[in-house]
Amino acid sequence: MSFTKDDFKSAKQELGMSAAQLAKTLRMGKRADRTIRRYESGESPIPGPVTVAVEALLTGFRPKEIEE
């Protein structure tokens, strides 16, 4: 399944994460919150691996870094 910009925005809201929090969780690097906002606006396509990672987060997966 690929995410539309609306799917992505809804998933981020369901996770209760800001753009910065989601970027950090996805290990996207510094200032990647702008990339997250580009995905939400439709300015940039959402890569398949990002979709898979967000789907995993929605099913309850949490990387160790955010559990601590």
N, C-alpha and C. Protein backbone atom coordinates (compact mmCIF):
# COMPACT_ATOMS: atom_id res chain seq x y z
N MET A 1 0.85 -1.19 0.00
CA MET A 1 0.00 0.00 0.00
C MET A 1 0.88 1.24 0.00
N SER A 2 0.59 2.16 -0.87
CA SER A 2 1.31 3.43 -0.82
C SER A 2 0.41 4.47 -0.15
N PHE A 3 1.03 5.38 0.53
CA PHE A 3 0.29 6.42 1.24
C PHE A 3 0.09 7.62 0.34
N THR A 4 -1.10 8.19 0.39
CA THR A 4 -1.32 9.50 -0.19
C THR A 4 -0.87 10.51 0.85
N LYS A 5 -0.82 11.76 0.47
CA LYS A 5 -0.45 12.79 1.45
C LYS A 5 -1.45 12.82 2.60
N ASP A 6 -2.72 12.59 2.30
CA ASP A 6 -3.74 12.59 3.36
C ASP A 6 -3.59 11.38 4.28
N ASP A 7 -3.26 10.21 3.69
CA ASP A 7 -3.00 9.02 4.50
C ASP A 7 -1.83 9.27 5.45
N PHE A 8 -0.80 9.87 4.90
CA PHE A 8 0.40 10.13 5.70
C PHE A 8 0.10 11.09 6.84
N LYS A 9 -0.62 12.15 6.53
CA LYS A 9 -0.97 13.13 7.55
C LYS A 9 -1.84 12.50 8.64
N SER A 10 -2.79 11.67 8.24
CA SER A 10 -3.65 10.97 9.20
C SER A 10 -2.85 10.02 10.08
N ALA A 11 -1.90 9.31 9.47
CA ALA A 11 -1.06 8.38 10.23
C ALA A 11 -0.24 9.13 11.26
N LYS A 12 0.33 10.26 10.88
CA LYS A 12 1.13 11.06 11.81
C LYS A 12 0.26 11.53 12.97
N GLN A 13 -0.94 11.96 12.66
CA GLN A 13 -1.86 12.41 13.72
C GLN A 13 -2.26 11.25 14.63
N GLU A 14 -2.53 10.09 14.03
CA GLU A 14 -2.89 8.91 14.83
C GLU A 14 -1.75 8.51 15.76
N LEU A 15 -0.52 8.67 15.30
CA LEU A 15 0.64 8.36 16.13
C LEU A 15 0.87 9.42 17.20
N GLY A 16 0.24 10.57 17.02
CA GLY A 16 0.39 11.65 17.99
C GLY A 16 1.78 12.27 17.98
N MET A 17 2.39 12.31 16.80
CA MET A 17 3.76 12.82 16.68
C MET A 17 3.79 14.11 15.87
N SER A 18 4.70 14.97 16.26
CA SER A 18 4.98 16.15 15.45
C SER A 18 5.84 15.71 14.27
N ALA A 19 6.04 16.60 13.33
CA ALA A 19 6.92 16.30 12.19
C ALA A 19 8.32 15.98 12.68
N ALA A 20 8.81 16.74 13.65
CA ALA A 20 10.16 16.51 14.19
C ALA A 20 10.26 15.16 14.90
N GLN A 21 9.23 14.80 15.66
CA GLN A 21 9.24 13.51 16.36
C GLN A 21 9.21 12.34 15.39
N LEU A 22 8.39 12.46 14.35
CA LEU A 22 8.31 11.38 13.37
C LEU A 22 9.62 11.26 12.61
N ALA A 23 10.21 12.36 12.22
CA ALA A 23 11.50 12.34 11.52
C ALA A 23 12.57 11.67 12.38
N LYS A 24 12.58 11.99 13.66
CA LYS A 24 13.56 11.38 14.57
C LYS A 24 13.31 9.88 14.70
N THR A 25 12.05 9.49 14.84
CA THR A 25 11.70 8.09 14.97
C THR A 25 12.10 7.31 13.72
N LEU A 26 11.95 7.93 12.55
CA LEU A 26 12.31 7.29 11.29
C LEU A 26 13.80 7.42 10.98
N ARG A 27 14.55 8.05 11.91
CA ARG A 27 16.00 8.21 11.78
C ARG A 27 16.38 8.92 10.48
N MET A 28 15.68 10.00 10.22
CA MET A 28 15.88 10.72 8.97
C MET A 28 16.94 11.81 9.05
N GLY A 29 17.45 12.09 10.22
CA GLY A 29 18.51 13.08 10.34
C GLY A 29 17.98 14.45 10.72
N LYS A 30 18.92 15.36 10.87
CA LYS A 30 18.58 16.71 11.31
C LYS A 30 17.76 17.43 10.25
N ARG A 31 16.86 18.25 10.72
CA ARG A 31 16.02 19.10 9.89
C ARG A 31 15.11 18.32 8.93
N ALA A 32 14.96 17.04 9.19
CA ALA A 32 14.10 16.22 8.35
C ALA A 32 12.62 16.48 8.60
N ASP A 33 12.31 17.27 9.64
CA ASP A 33 10.92 17.63 9.87
C ASP A 33 10.36 18.35 8.64
N ARG A 34 11.21 19.07 7.94
CA ARG A 34 10.78 19.73 6.69
C ARG A 34 10.39 18.69 5.64
N THR A 35 11.13 17.61 5.56
CA THR A 35 10.80 16.53 4.63
C THR A 35 9.45 15.92 4.99
N ILE A 36 9.21 15.72 6.28
CA ILE A 36 7.91 15.19 6.73
C ILE A 36 6.80 16.13 6.29
N ARG A 37 7.00 17.41 6.46
CA ARG A 37 5.98 18.39 6.04
C ARG A 37 5.79 18.37 4.52
N ARG A 38 6.86 18.11 3.77
CA ARG A 38 6.73 17.98 2.31
C ARG A 38 5.90 16.76 1.93
N TYR A 39 6.07 15.67 2.66
CA TYR A 39 5.25 14.49 2.41
C TYR A 39 3.78 14.82 2.67
N GLU A 40 3.52 15.51 3.77
CA GLU A 40 2.14 15.84 4.15
C GLU A 40 1.47 16.77 3.15
N SER A 41 2.24 17.67 2.57
CA SER A 41 1.68 18.64 1.64
C SER A 41 1.56 18.11 0.22
N GLY A 42 2.22 16.98 -0.05
CA GLY A 42 2.22 16.44 -1.39
C GLY A 42 3.33 17.00 -2.26
N GLU A 43 4.17 17.85 -1.67
CA GLU A 43 5.28 18.46 -2.40
C GLU A 43 6.33 17.42 -2.79
N SER A 44 6.51 16.41 -1.96
CA SER A 44 7.45 15.32 -2.24
C SER A 44 6.73 13.99 -2.16
N PRO A 45 7.07 13.05 -3.04
CA PRO A 45 6.46 11.72 -2.94
C PRO A 45 6.95 11.01 -1.68
N ILE A 46 6.12 10.15 -1.13
CA ILE A 46 6.47 9.41 0.08
C ILE A 46 7.15 8.11 -0.35
N PRO A 47 8.42 7.94 -0.01
CA PRO A 47 9.13 6.73 -0.42
C PRO A 47 8.53 5.46 0.20
N GLY A 48 8.62 4.36 -0.52
CA GLY A 48 8.10 3.09 -0.03
C GLY A 48 8.61 2.70 1.34
N PRO A 49 9.93 2.82 1.60
CA PRO A 49 10.42 2.45 2.94
C PRO A 49 9.81 3.29 4.06
N VAL A 50 9.51 4.55 3.78
CA VAL A 50 8.87 5.40 4.79
C VAL A 50 7.46 4.88 5.05
N THR A 51 6.76 4.51 3.99
CA THR A 51 5.41 3.96 4.14
C THR A 51 5.43 2.71 5.00
N VAL A 52 6.37 1.81 4.72
CA VAL A 52 6.48 0.57 5.49
C VAL A 52 6.78 0.87 6.96
N ALA A 53 7.69 1.80 7.21
CA ALA A 53 8.04 2.15 8.59
C ALA A 53 6.85 2.76 9.33
N VAL A 54 6.12 3.63 8.67
CA VAL A 54 4.95 4.25 9.31
C VAL A 54 3.88 3.19 9.58
N GLU A 55 3.68 2.27 8.63
CA GLU A 55 2.73 1.18 8.87
C GLU A 55 3.15 0.35 10.09
N ALA A 56 4.44 0.10 10.23
CA ALA A 56 4.94 -0.64 11.40
C ALA A 56 4.65 0.12 12.69
N LEU A 57 4.88 1.42 12.67
CA LEU A 57 4.58 2.25 13.85
C LEU A 57 3.10 2.19 14.20
N LEU A 58 2.25 2.19 13.18
CA LEU A 58 0.81 2.14 13.42
C LEU A 58 0.37 0.82 14.03
N THR A 59 1.13 -0.24 13.80
CA THR A 59 0.77 -1.55 14.38
C THR A 59 1.38 -1.76 15.75
N GLY A 60 2.12 -0.76 16.25
CA GLY A 60 2.65 -0.85 17.60
C GLY A 60 4.15 -1.00 17.71
N PHE A 61 4.85 -1.18 16.60
CA PHE A 61 6.32 -1.27 16.66
C PHE A 61 6.89 0.04 17.15
N ARG A 62 7.86 -0.05 18.05
CA ARG A 62 8.57 1.14 18.53
C ARG A 62 10.06 0.84 18.59
N PRO A 63 10.88 1.62 17.89
CA PRO A 63 12.33 1.45 18.00
C PRO A 63 12.77 1.66 19.44
N LYS A 64 13.84 1.01 19.85
CA LYS A 64 14.33 1.12 21.23
C LYS A 64 14.57 2.56 21.64
N GLU A 65 15.06 3.37 20.73
CA GLU A 65 15.40 4.76 21.07
C GLU A 65 14.19 5.55 21.59
N ILE A 66 13.00 5.27 21.10
CA ILE A 66 11.85 6.04 21.57
C ILE A 66 11.16 5.38 22.75
N GLU A 67 11.56 4.16 23.08
CA GLU A 67 10.98 3.49 24.25
C GLU A 67 11.66 3.94 25.53
N GLU A 68 12.89 4.37 25.43
CA GLU A 68 13.68 4.71 26.63
C GLU A 68 13.30 6.06 27.17
